[in-house]
């Protein structure tokens, strides 16, 4: 396993993100899903210059992006959006694309369970065909019930992946697992080789080490299931607006190149604009916590494999 990180959680340039990852010894970046925001040639240059690789990309399912929407035009435009992310991942030599099937924050169904399932499978099969063409592995990610009404648990994600195609995998997130799984350690082991991406945040979605997770036990569970890929950091530091704020001075007023939609997405997750010093400290703490846990679990920190496509083949 090796350390990676998302970049949607903080308002900053991609150059700042990549340089921070390099500074703290991260292997790779999972880039946030806004293809039009990036110059891929420039991102490739920055990655190479800083010794960081692209692990893949992740869908940001803001309003209007929904593979189970009742309006077929919305589903069609979302398919196009996800395909553009596959192209982005390909151009950056990435391996995976994390896909949340429905709009984040939409918890009210628009149709029957059977119809939503059919729309999801139909949409994802079209996306899957393109993913096979470009050599990027899909990773379907369940979110907790307060962020989506569709896929919440690992077994549901596995069922959907099986319906989509033999090379379709899943992504799991430690924060969401803590809310939805009866036994979160068992769920990651049970996923086996279908698990192709794992997102790291503590039980309270703070940086690893700021909650009650037994990270050594969790890494042992991942290892037992055969997981050997990225531990992709995706903590969301909440903004405390009360006199009990334990981190006064952590908030910033600069929004860099963040669009209003991206800022709203961050704020909807309970966070906001944070200072570089505060955010970098959380990144450093996560790296230290995970590396210590890996050592305790007897799992070596490895390097991202060269060029080989991520394998999600497994008998369910």
C-alpha atoms as a PDB file:
ATOM      1  CA  UNK A   1       0.000   0.000   0.000  1.00  0.00           C
ATOM      2  CA  UNK A   2       1.100   3.558  -0.646  1.00  0.00           C
ATOM      3  CA  UNK A   3      -0.016   7.053   0.351  1.00  0.00           C
ATOM      4  CA  UNK A   4      -2.133   9.216  -1.914  1.00  0.00           C
ATOM      5  CA  UNK A   5      -4.488  12.146  -1.467  1.00  0.00           C
ATOM      6  CA  UNK A   6      -7.525  13.866  -2.950  1.00  0.00           C
ATOM      7  CA  UNK A   7      -7.489  17.596  -3.669  1.00  0.00           C
ATOM      8  CA  UNK A   8     -11.136  18.732  -3.589  1.00  0.00           C
ATOM      9  CA  UNK A   9     -11.174  19.382   0.177  1.00  0.00           C
ATOM     10  CA  UNK A  10      -9.137  22.602   0.062  1.00  0.00           C
ATOM     11  CA  UNK A  11      -9.244  25.782  -2.004  1.00  0.00           C
ATOM     12  CA  UNK A  12      -5.833  26.040  -3.666  1.00  0.00           C
ATOM     13  CA  UNK A  13      -4.025  25.635  -6.958  1.00  0.00           C
ATOM     14  CA  UNK A  14      -3.085  22.160  -8.145  1.00  0.00           C
ATOM     15  CA  UNK A  15       0.574  23.214  -7.990  1.00  0.00           C
ATOM     16  CA  UNK A  16       0.266  23.925  -4.253  1.00  0.00           C
ATOM     17  CA  UNK A  17      -1.358  20.533  -3.683  1.00  0.00           C
ATOM     18  CA  UNK A  18       1.261  18.604  -5.624  1.00  0.00           C
ATOM     19  CA  UNK A  19       4.161  20.373  -3.914  1.00  0.00           C
ATOM     20  CA  UNK A  20       2.667  19.610  -0.492  1.00  0.00           C
ATOM     21  CA  UNK A  21       2.255  15.938  -1.350  1.00  0.00           C
ATOM     22  CA  UNK A  22       5.847  15.786  -2.486  1.00  0.00           C
ATOM     23  CA  UNK A  23       7.042  17.498   0.695  1.00  0.00           C
ATOM     24  CA  UNK A  24       5.346  14.923   2.928  1.00  0.00           C
ATOM     25  CA  UNK A  25       6.417  11.942   0.834  1.00  0.00           C
ATOM     26  CA  UNK A  26       3.067  11.051  -0.719  1.00  0.00           C
ATOM     27  CA  UNK A  27       3.235   8.753  -3.718  1.00  0.00           C
ATOM     28  CA  UNK A  28       0.231   9.968  -5.702  1.00  0.00           C
ATOM     29  CA  UNK A  29      -2.715  12.261  -6.286  1.00  0.00           C
ATOM     30  CA  UNK A  30      -6.355  11.341  -6.914  1.00  0.00           C
ATOM     31  CA  UNK A  31      -7.497  14.415  -8.800  1.00  0.00           C
ATOM     32  CA  UNK A  32     -10.880  16.040  -8.216  1.00  0.00           C
ATOM     33  CA  UNK A  33     -13.434  15.720 -10.953  1.00  0.00           C
ATOM     34  CA  UNK A  34     -13.429  19.034 -12.775  1.00  0.00           C
ATOM     35  CA  UNK A  35     -11.719  18.293 -16.120  1.00  0.00           C
ATOM     36  CA  UNK A  36     -12.169  21.791 -17.530  1.00  0.00           C
ATOM     37  CA  UNK A  37     -10.258  23.227 -14.575  1.00  0.00           C
ATOM     38  CA  UNK A  38      -6.974  21.542 -15.509  1.00  0.00           C
ATOM     39  CA  UNK A  39      -4.359  21.891 -18.209  1.00  0.00           C
ATOM     40  CA  UNK A  40      -3.273  18.262 -18.368  1.00  0.00           C
ATOM     41  CA  UNK A  41       0.113  19.082 -19.886  1.00  0.00           C
ATOM     42  CA  UNK A  42       0.840  21.456 -17.009  1.00  0.00           C
ATOM     43  CA  UNK A  43      -0.405  18.969 -14.399  1.00  0.00           C
ATOM     44  CA  UNK A  44       1.803  16.258 -15.916  1.00  0.00           C
ATOM     45  CA  UNK A  45       4.769  18.621 -15.737  1.00  0.00           C
ATOM     46  CA  UNK A  46       4.085  19.443 -12.095  1.00  0.00           C
ATOM     47  CA  UNK A  47       3.663  15.783 -11.178  1.00  0.00           C
ATOM     48  CA  UNK A  48       6.927  14.803 -12.851  1.00  0.00           C
ATOM     49  CA  UNK A  49       8.809  17.785 -11.425  1.00  0.00           C
ATOM     50  CA  UNK A  50       7.731  16.879  -7.886  1.00  0.00           C
ATOM     51  CA  UNK A  51       8.052  13.103  -8.130  1.00  0.00           C
ATOM     52  CA  UNK A  52       4.310  12.528  -7.616  1.00  0.00           C
ATOM     53  CA  UNK A  53       2.114  10.282  -9.787  1.00  0.00           C
ATOM     54  CA  UNK A  54      -1.562  10.427 -10.653  1.00  0.00           C
ATOM     55  CA  UNK A  55      -3.427   7.516  -9.062  1.00  0.00           C
ATOM     56  CA  UNK A  56      -6.629   8.478 -10.846  1.00  0.00           C
ATOM     57  CA  UNK A  57      -9.601  10.809 -10.630  1.00  0.00           C
ATOM     58  CA  UNK A  58     -12.832  11.091  -8.661  1.00  0.00           C
ATOM     59  CA  UNK A  59     -16.281  12.305  -9.624  1.00  0.00           C
ATOM     60  CA  UNK A  60     -17.561  15.416  -7.853  1.00  0.00           C
ATOM     61  CA  UNK A  61     -21.297  14.850  -8.064  1.00  0.00           C
ATOM     62  CA  UNK A  62     -22.567  18.388  -7.624  1.00  0.00           C
ATOM     63  CA  UNK A  63     -26.175  19.339  -8.544  1.00  0.00           C
ATOM     64  CA  UNK A  64     -26.975  18.336 -12.115  1.00  0.00           C
ATOM     65  CA  UNK A  65     -24.678  15.294 -12.023  1.00  0.00           C
ATOM     66  CA  UNK A  66     -26.690  12.165 -11.301  1.00  0.00           C
ATOM     67  CA  UNK A  67     -26.732   8.758 -12.994  1.00  0.00           C
ATOM     68  CA  UNK A  68     -30.079   7.855 -11.379  1.00  0.00           C
ATOM     69  CA  UNK A  69     -31.915  11.108 -12.097  1.00  0.00           C
ATOM     70  CA  UNK A  70     -35.469  10.806 -13.393  1.00  0.00           C
ATOM     71  CA  UNK A  71     -34.664  13.139 -16.298  1.00  0.00           C
ATOM     72  CA  UNK A  72     -32.862  11.158 -19.039  1.00  0.00           C
ATOM     73  CA  UNK A  73     -31.106  14.334 -20.186  1.00  0.00           C
ATOM     74  CA  UNK A  74     -29.459  14.677 -16.768  1.00  0.00           C
ATOM     75  CA  UNK A  75     -28.338  11.049 -16.908  1.00  0.00           C
ATOM     76  CA  UNK A  76     -26.981  11.580 -20.412  1.00  0.00           C
ATOM     77  CA  UNK A  77     -25.011  14.702 -19.458  1.00  0.00           C
ATOM     78  CA  UNK A  78     -23.654  12.926 -16.368  1.00  0.00           C
ATOM     79  CA  UNK A  79     -22.443   9.996 -18.472  1.00  0.00           C
ATOM     80  CA  UNK A  80     -20.634  12.499 -20.677  1.00  0.00           C
ATOM     81  CA  UNK A  81     -19.108  14.138 -17.584  1.00  0.00           C
ATOM     82  CA  UNK A  82     -17.851  10.821 -16.159  1.00  0.00           C
ATOM     83  CA  UNK A  83     -16.378   9.857 -19.528  1.00  0.00           C
ATOM     84  CA  UNK A  84     -14.491  13.161 -19.563  1.00  0.00           C
ATOM     85  CA  UNK A  85     -12.971  12.178 -16.219  1.00  0.00           C
ATOM     86  CA  UNK A  86     -11.858   8.870 -17.677  1.00  0.00           C
ATOM     87  CA  UNK A  87     -10.115  10.835 -20.404  1.00  0.00           C
ATOM     88  CA  UNK A  88      -8.515  13.083 -17.771  1.00  0.00           C
ATOM     89  CA  UNK A  89      -7.263  10.080 -15.793  1.00  0.00           C
ATOM     90  CA  UNK A  90      -5.897   8.513 -18.972  1.00  0.00           C
ATOM     91  CA  UNK A  91      -4.062  11.678 -19.996  1.00  0.00           C
ATOM     92  CA  UNK A  92      -2.434  11.858 -16.554  1.00  0.00           C
ATOM     93  CA  UNK A  93      -1.418   8.166 -16.590  1.00  0.00           C
ATOM     94  CA  UNK A  94      -3.897   7.379 -13.821  1.00  0.00           C
ATOM     95  CA  UNK A  95      -5.240   3.902 -13.052  1.00  0.00           C
ATOM     96  CA  UNK A  96      -8.670   4.326 -11.470  1.00  0.00           C
ATOM     97  CA  UNK A  97     -11.774   6.493 -11.496  1.00  0.00           C
ATOM     98  CA  UNK A  98     -13.837   6.670  -8.309  1.00  0.00           C
ATOM     99  CA  UNK A  99     -17.518   7.021  -9.207  1.00  0.00           C
ATOM    100  CA  UNK A 100     -20.329   8.081  -6.887  1.00  0.00           C
ATOM    101  CA  UNK A 101     -23.446   7.158  -8.897  1.00  0.00           C
ATOM    102  CA  UNK A 102     -25.781   9.894  -7.661  1.00  0.00           C
ATOM    103  CA  UNK A 103     -25.686  13.558  -6.676  1.00  0.00           C
ATOM    104  CA  UNK A 104     -24.036  14.061  -3.293  1.00  0.00           C
ATOM    105  CA  UNK A 105     -26.605  15.392  -0.846  1.00  0.00           C
ATOM    106  CA  UNK A 106     -29.618  14.007  -2.697  1.00  0.00           C
ATOM    107  CA  UNK A 107     -31.353  11.693  -0.243  1.00  0.00           C
ATOM    108  CA  UNK A 108     -34.877  11.635  -1.665  1.00  0.00           C
ATOM    109  CA  UNK A 109     -35.564   9.050  -4.402  1.00  0.00           C
ATOM    110  CA  UNK A 110     -37.039  10.167  -7.717  1.00  0.00           C
ATOM    111  CA  UNK A 111     -38.328   6.739  -8.746  1.00  0.00           C
ATOM    112  CA  UNK A 112     -38.795   3.194  -7.495  1.00  0.00           C
ATOM    113  CA  UNK A 113     -35.767   1.191  -6.303  1.00  0.00           C
ATOM    114  CA  UNK A 114     -36.061  -0.981  -9.426  1.00  0.00           C
ATOM    115  CA  UNK A 115     -36.006   2.041 -11.753  1.00  0.00           C
ATOM    116  CA  UNK A 116     -33.069   3.683  -9.973  1.00  0.00           C
ATOM    117  CA  UNK A 117     -31.124   0.435 -10.120  1.00  0.00           C
ATOM    118  CA  UNK A 118     -31.866   0.027 -13.838  1.00  0.00           C
ATOM    119  CA  UNK A 119     -30.779   3.591 -14.589  1.00  0.00           C
ATOM    120  CA  UNK A 120     -27.570   3.112 -12.598  1.00  0.00           C
ATOM    121  CA  UNK A 121     -26.663  -0.139 -14.349  1.00  0.00           C
ATOM    122  CA  UNK A 122     -27.492   1.204 -17.814  1.00  0.00           C
ATOM    123  CA  UNK A 123     -25.503   4.405 -17.260  1.00  0.00           C
ATOM    124  CA  UNK A 124     -22.530   2.666 -15.684  1.00  0.00           C
ATOM    125  CA  UNK A 125     -22.382   0.007 -18.396  1.00  0.00           C
ATOM    126  CA  UNK A 126     -21.945   2.745 -20.992  1.00  0.00           C
ATOM    127  CA  UNK A 127     -19.244   4.356 -18.851  1.00  0.00           C
ATOM    128  CA  UNK A 128     -17.653   0.961 -18.191  1.00  0.00           C
ATOM    129  CA  UNK A 129     -17.323   0.261 -21.915  1.00  0.00           C
ATOM    130  CA  UNK A 130     -15.325   3.463 -22.304  1.00  0.00           C
ATOM    131  CA  UNK A 131     -13.248   2.718 -19.204  1.00  0.00           C
ATOM    132  CA  UNK A 132     -12.231  -0.608 -20.734  1.00  0.00           C
ATOM    133  CA  UNK A 133     -11.304   1.182 -23.953  1.00  0.00           C
ATOM    134  CA  UNK A 134      -9.008   3.683 -22.207  1.00  0.00           C
ATOM    135  CA  UNK A 135      -7.643   1.198 -19.644  1.00  0.00           C
ATOM    136  CA  UNK A 136      -8.943   2.845 -16.468  1.00  0.00           C
ATOM    137  CA  UNK A 137     -10.591   0.788 -13.713  1.00  0.00           C
ATOM    138  CA  UNK A 138     -13.930   2.013 -12.359  1.00  0.00           C
ATOM    139  CA  UNK A 139     -14.308   2.089  -8.568  1.00  0.00           C
ATOM    140  CA  UNK A 140     -17.912   2.520  -7.379  1.00  0.00           C
ATOM    141  CA  UNK A 141     -18.079   4.302  -4.043  1.00  0.00           C
ATOM    142  CA  UNK A 142     -20.863   4.028  -1.444  1.00  0.00           C
ATOM    143  CA  UNK A 143     -21.573   7.085   0.717  1.00  0.00           C
ATOM    144  CA  UNK A 144     -23.443   7.301   4.000  1.00  0.00           C
ATOM    145  CA  UNK A 145     -27.238   7.618   4.104  1.00  0.00           C
ATOM    146  CA  UNK A 146     -27.068  11.352   4.850  1.00  0.00           C
ATOM    147  CA  UNK A 147     -25.315  12.014   1.523  1.00  0.00           C
ATOM    148  CA  UNK A 148     -27.142   9.638  -0.833  1.00  0.00           C
ATOM    149  CA  UNK A 149     -30.236   7.456  -0.869  1.00  0.00           C
ATOM    150  CA  UNK A 150     -28.727   4.957  -3.302  1.00  0.00           C
ATOM    151  CA  UNK A 151     -25.534   3.042  -2.423  1.00  0.00           C
ATOM    152  CA  UNK A 152     -24.471   3.145   1.245  1.00  0.00           C
ATOM    153  CA  UNK A 153     -22.678  -0.138   2.043  1.00  0.00           C
ATOM    154  CA  UNK A 154     -19.857  -2.245   0.657  1.00  0.00           C
ATOM    155  CA  UNK A 155     -22.125  -5.190  -0.209  1.00  0.00           C
ATOM    156  CA  UNK A 156     -24.407  -2.890  -2.231  1.00  0.00           C
ATOM    157  CA  UNK A 157     -21.432  -1.476  -4.126  1.00  0.00           C
ATOM    158  CA  UNK A 158     -20.178  -5.002  -4.849  1.00  0.00           C
ATOM    159  CA  UNK A 159     -23.601  -5.992  -6.181  1.00  0.00           C
ATOM    160  CA  UNK A 160     -23.670  -2.969  -8.489  1.00  0.00           C
ATOM    161  CA  UNK A 161     -20.114  -3.600  -9.692  1.00  0.00           C
ATOM    162  CA  UNK A 162     -21.022  -7.189 -10.521  1.00  0.00           C
ATOM    163  CA  UNK A 163     -23.990  -5.956 -12.561  1.00  0.00           C
ATOM    164  CA  UNK A 164     -21.801  -3.477 -14.478  1.00  0.00           C
ATOM    165  CA  UNK A 165     -18.921  -5.683 -15.643  1.00  0.00           C
ATOM    166  CA  UNK A 166     -16.196  -8.132 -14.605  1.00  0.00           C
ATOM    167  CA  UNK A 167     -13.468  -5.479 -14.325  1.00  0.00           C
ATOM    168  CA  UNK A 168     -15.595  -2.988 -12.358  1.00  0.00           C
ATOM    169  CA  UNK A 169     -14.309  -2.493  -8.812  1.00  0.00           C
ATOM    170  CA  UNK A 170     -15.341  -0.551  -5.751  1.00  0.00           C
ATOM    171  CA  UNK A 171     -13.873   2.197  -3.558  1.00  0.00           C
ATOM    172  CA  UNK A 172     -14.472   2.361   0.178  1.00  0.00           C
ATOM    173  CA  UNK A 173     -14.128   5.310   2.535  1.00  0.00           C
ATOM    174  CA  UNK A 174     -13.261   4.868   6.212  1.00  0.00           C
ATOM    175  CA  UNK A 175     -15.588   7.702   7.271  1.00  0.00           C
ATOM    176  CA  UNK A 176     -18.643   6.300   5.502  1.00  0.00           C
ATOM    177  CA  UNK A 177     -17.864   2.741   6.642  1.00  0.00           C
ATOM    178  CA  UNK A 178     -17.932   3.899  10.259  1.00  0.00           C
ATOM    179  CA  UNK A 179     -21.524   5.076   9.830  1.00  0.00           C
ATOM    180  CA  UNK A 180     -22.994   2.289   7.710  1.00  0.00           C
ATOM    181  CA  UNK A 181     -21.177  -1.004   8.313  1.00  0.00           C
ATOM    182  CA  UNK A 182     -22.007  -3.397  11.155  1.00  0.00           C
ATOM    183  CA  UNK A 183     -18.374  -4.541  11.058  1.00  0.00           C
ATOM    184  CA  UNK A 184     -16.245  -2.104   9.085  1.00  0.00           C
ATOM    185  CA  UNK A 185     -13.100  -4.253   9.371  1.00  0.00           C
ATOM    186  CA  UNK A 186     -14.914  -7.279   7.975  1.00  0.00           C
ATOM    187  CA  UNK A 187     -16.357  -5.218   5.125  1.00  0.00           C
ATOM    188  CA  UNK A 188     -12.951  -4.204   3.740  1.00  0.00           C
ATOM    189  CA  UNK A 189     -11.644  -7.769   3.938  1.00  0.00           C
ATOM    190  CA  UNK A 190     -14.823  -9.115   2.334  1.00  0.00           C
ATOM    191  CA  UNK A 191     -14.412  -6.762  -0.633  1.00  0.00           C
ATOM    192  CA  UNK A 192     -11.270  -8.664  -1.646  1.00  0.00           C
ATOM    193  CA  UNK A 193      -9.788  -7.851  -5.023  1.00  0.00           C
ATOM    194  CA  UNK A 194     -12.863  -5.852  -5.980  1.00  0.00           C
ATOM    195  CA  UNK A 195     -11.549  -3.132  -3.691  1.00  0.00           C
ATOM    196  CA  UNK A 196      -9.361  -0.923  -5.893  1.00  0.00           C
ATOM    197  CA  UNK A 197      -9.292   2.334  -3.923  1.00  0.00           C
ATOM    198  CA  UNK A 198      -9.514   3.206  -0.225  1.00  0.00           C
ATOM    199  CA  UNK A 199     -10.181   6.681   1.177  1.00  0.00           C
ATOM    200  CA  UNK A 200      -8.643   7.679   4.493  1.00  0.00           C
ATOM    201  CA  UNK A 201     -10.294   9.814   7.177  1.00  0.00           C
ATOM    202  CA  UNK A 202     -10.926   9.126  10.834  1.00  0.00           C
ATOM    203  CA  UNK A 203     -14.355   8.219  12.229  1.00  0.00           C
ATOM    204  CA  UNK A 204     -15.196  11.927  12.634  1.00  0.00           C
ATOM    205  CA  UNK A 205     -13.780  12.765   9.179  1.00  0.00           C
ATOM    206  CA  UNK A 206     -10.859  14.592  10.719  1.00  0.00           C
ATOM    207  CA  UNK A 207      -7.298  13.647   9.793  1.00  0.00           C
ATOM    208  CA  UNK A 208      -6.216  10.117  10.711  1.00  0.00           C
ATOM    209  CA  UNK A 209      -5.260  10.069  14.379  1.00  0.00           C
ATOM    210  CA  UNK A 210      -7.842  12.657  15.440  1.00  0.00           C
ATOM    211  CA  UNK A 211     -10.612  10.145  16.046  1.00  0.00           C
ATOM    212  CA  UNK A 212     -11.051   6.699  17.565  1.00  0.00           C
ATOM    213  CA  UNK A 213     -10.065   4.488  14.616  1.00  0.00           C
ATOM    214  CA  UNK A 214      -7.673   1.597  15.216  1.00  0.00           C
ATOM    215  CA  UNK A 215      -5.638   2.233  12.080  1.00  0.00           C
ATOM    216  CA  UNK A 216      -3.353  -0.748  12.578  1.00  0.00           C
ATOM    217  CA  UNK A 217      -6.382  -3.057  12.755  1.00  0.00           C
ATOM    218  CA  UNK A 218      -7.912  -1.438   9.672  1.00  0.00           C
ATOM    219  CA  UNK A 219      -4.715  -1.822   7.634  1.00  0.00           C
ATOM    220  CA  UNK A 220      -4.457  -5.456   8.740  1.00  0.00           C
ATOM    221  CA  UNK A 221      -8.036  -5.969   7.489  1.00  0.00           C
ATOM    222  CA  UNK A 222      -7.162  -4.373   4.145  1.00  0.00           C
ATOM    223  CA  UNK A 223      -4.062  -6.536   3.869  1.00  0.00           C
ATOM    224  CA  UNK A 224      -6.061  -9.666   4.700  1.00  0.00           C
ATOM    225  CA  UNK A 225      -8.364  -8.903   1.763  1.00  0.00           C
ATOM    226  CA  UNK A 226      -5.396  -8.575  -0.576  1.00  0.00           C
ATOM    227  CA  UNK A 227      -5.556  -4.798  -0.933  1.00  0.00           C
ATOM    228  CA  UNK A 228      -2.272  -3.356  -2.246  1.00  0.00           C
ATOM    229  CA  UNK A 229      -3.148   0.023  -3.704  1.00  0.00           C
ATOM    230  CA  UNK A 230      -3.493   3.647  -2.584  1.00  0.00           C
ATOM    231  CA  UNK A 231      -4.491   4.810   0.861  1.00  0.00           C
ATOM    232  CA  UNK A 232      -6.056   7.997  -0.461  1.00  0.00           C
ATOM    233  CA  UNK A 233      -6.350  10.703   2.185  1.00  0.00           C
ATOM    234  CA  UNK A 234      -9.744  12.459   2.112  1.00  0.00           C
ATOM    235  CA  UNK A 235     -10.282  14.078   5.488  1.00  0.00           C
ATOM    236  CA  UNK A 236     -12.611  17.069   5.760  1.00  0.00           C
ATOM    237  CA  UNK A 237     -11.666  19.386   8.611  1.00  0.00           C
ATOM    238  CA  UNK A 238     -14.861  20.921  10.021  1.00  0.00           C
ATOM    239  CA  UNK A 239     -15.108  24.630  10.663  1.00  0.00           C
ATOM    240  CA  UNK A 240     -16.033  25.415  14.274  1.00  0.00           C
ATOM    241  CA  UNK A 241     -18.155  28.572  14.479  1.00  0.00           C
ATOM    242  CA  UNK A 242     -18.456  28.572  18.248  1.00  0.00           C
ATOM    243  CA  UNK A 243     -16.321  29.925  21.132  1.00  0.00           C
ATOM    244  CA  UNK A 244     -15.152  26.331  21.715  1.00  0.00           C
ATOM    245  CA  UNK A 245     -13.131  26.248  18.491  1.00  0.00           C
ATOM    246  CA  UNK A 246      -9.997  24.212  19.366  1.00  0.00           C
ATOM    247  CA  UNK A 247      -8.104  25.663  16.381  1.00  0.00           C
ATOM    248  CA  UNK A 248      -8.533  29.468  16.406  1.00  0.00           C
ATOM    249  CA  UNK A 249      -6.918  31.094  13.402  1.00  0.00           C
ATOM    250  CA  UNK A 250      -7.325  28.023  11.193  1.00  0.00           C
ATOM    251  CA  UNK A 251      -9.756  29.702   8.807  1.00  0.00           C
ATOM    252  CA  UNK A 252      -8.713  31.659   5.725  1.00  0.00           C
ATOM    253  CA  UNK A 253     -10.486  34.279   3.614  1.00  0.00           C
ATOM    254  CA  UNK A 254      -8.762  33.451   0.308  1.00  0.00           C
ATOM    255  CA  UNK A 255     -10.587  31.132  -2.094  1.00  0.00           C
ATOM    256  CA  UNK A 256      -7.802  30.790  -4.719  1.00  0.00           C
ATOM    257  CA  UNK A 257      -9.311  29.511  -7.970  1.00  0.00           C
ATOM    258  CA  UNK A 258     -12.317  27.839  -6.362  1.00  0.00           C
ATOM    259  CA  UNK A 259     -15.597  28.145  -8.247  1.00  0.00           C
ATOM    260  CA  UNK A 260     -18.787  28.981  -6.311  1.00  0.00           C
ATOM    261  CA  UNK A 261     -19.992  25.399  -6.931  1.00  0.00           C
ATOM    262  CA  UNK A 262     -16.793  23.897  -5.517  1.00  0.00           C
ATOM    263  CA  UNK A 263     -16.894  26.191  -2.476  1.00  0.00           C
ATOM    264  CA  UNK A 264     -20.492  25.183  -1.815  1.00  0.00           C
ATOM    265  CA  UNK A 265     -19.501  21.494  -2.115  1.00  0.00           C
ATOM    266  CA  UNK A 266     -16.821  22.000   0.560  1.00  0.00           C
ATOM    267  CA  UNK A 267     -19.159  23.995   2.799  1.00  0.00           C
ATOM    268  CA  UNK A 268     -21.901  21.392   2.409  1.00  0.00           C
ATOM    269  CA  UNK A 269     -19.424  18.912   3.900  1.00  0.00           C
ATOM    270  CA  UNK A 270     -19.055  21.086   7.019  1.00  0.00           C
ATOM    271  CA  UNK A 271     -15.739  22.633   6.087  1.00  0.00           C
ATOM    272  CA  UNK A 272     -14.588  25.905   4.561  1.00  0.00           C
ATOM    273  CA  UNK A 273     -11.499  27.917   3.685  1.00  0.00           C
ATOM    274  CA  UNK A 274      -8.517  26.887   5.818  1.00  0.00           C
ATOM    275  CA  UNK A 275      -5.020  28.304   6.197  1.00  0.00           C
ATOM    276  CA  UNK A 276      -2.143  26.495   4.532  1.00  0.00           C
ATOM    277  CA  UNK A 277      -0.322  26.016   7.841  1.00  0.00           C
ATOM    278  CA  UNK A 278      -3.314  24.360   9.492  1.00  0.00           C
ATOM    279  CA  UNK A 279      -4.159  22.153   6.522  1.00  0.00           C
ATOM    280  CA  UNK A 280      -0.543  21.081   5.988  1.00  0.00           C
ATOM    281  CA  UNK A 281      -0.344  20.105   9.654  1.00  0.00           C
ATOM    282  CA  UNK A 282      -3.320  17.790   9.213  1.00  0.00           C
ATOM    283  CA  UNK A 283      -1.746  16.243   6.112  1.00  0.00           C
ATOM    284  CA  UNK A 284       1.470  15.646   8.052  1.00  0.00           C
ATOM    285  CA  UNK A 285      -0.415  14.084  10.967  1.00  0.00           C
ATOM    286  CA  UNK A 286      -2.313  11.730   8.663  1.00  0.00           C
ATOM    287  CA  UNK A 287       0.883  10.576   6.957  1.00  0.00           C
ATOM    288  CA  UNK A 288       2.555   9.973  10.331  1.00  0.00           C
ATOM    289  CA  UNK A 289      -0.467   8.076  11.697  1.00  0.00           C
ATOM    290  CA  UNK A 290      -0.861   5.834   8.653  1.00  0.00           C
ATOM    291  CA  UNK A 291       2.844   5.045   8.372  1.00  0.00           C
ATOM    292  CA  UNK A 292       2.989   4.159  12.076  1.00  0.00           C
ATOM    293  CA  UNK A 293      -0.088   1.941  11.680  1.00  0.00           C
ATOM    294  CA  UNK A 294       1.400   0.185   8.650  1.00  0.00           C
ATOM    295  CA  UNK A 295       4.567  -0.552  10.585  1.00  0.00           C
ATOM    296  CA  UNK A 296       2.546  -1.853  13.528  1.00  0.00           C
ATOM    297  CA  UNK A 297       0.472  -4.025  11.178  1.00  0.00           C
ATOM    298  CA  UNK A 298       3.577  -5.448   9.522  1.00  0.00           C
ATOM    299  CA  UNK A 299       2.604  -4.007   6.135  1.00  0.00           C
ATOM    300  CA  UNK A 300       5.344  -2.439   4.037  1.00  0.00           C
ATOM    301  CA  UNK A 301       4.816   0.913   2.354  1.00  0.00           C
ATOM    302  CA  UNK A 302       5.195   0.211  -1.348  1.00  0.00           C
ATOM    303  CA  UNK A 303       5.300   2.204  -4.572  1.00  0.00           C
ATOM    304  CA  UNK A 304       2.536   2.695  -7.083  1.00  0.00           C
ATOM    305  CA  UNK A 305       2.854  -0.087  -9.681  1.00  0.00           C
ATOM    306  CA  UNK A 306       4.160   0.922 -13.094  1.00  0.00           C
ATOM    307  CA  UNK A 307       1.653   1.176 -15.930  1.00  0.00           C
ATOM    308  CA  UNK A 308      -0.188  -2.068 -15.162  1.00  0.00           C
ATOM    309  CA  UNK A 309      -3.963  -1.749 -15.071  1.00  0.00           C
ATOM    310  CA  UNK A 310      -5.486  -2.148 -11.626  1.00  0.00           C
ATOM    311  CA  UNK A 311      -7.068  -5.597 -11.392  1.00  0.00           C
ATOM    312  CA  UNK A 312     -10.515  -5.965  -9.800  1.00  0.00           C
ATOM    313  CA  UNK A 313     -11.201  -9.503 -10.952  1.00  0.00           C
ATOM    314  CA  UNK A 314     -12.636 -11.566  -8.143  1.00  0.00           C
ATOM    315  CA  UNK A 315     -15.264 -14.223  -7.621  1.00  0.00           C
ATOM    316  CA  UNK A 316     -18.107 -12.728  -5.591  1.00  0.00           C
END
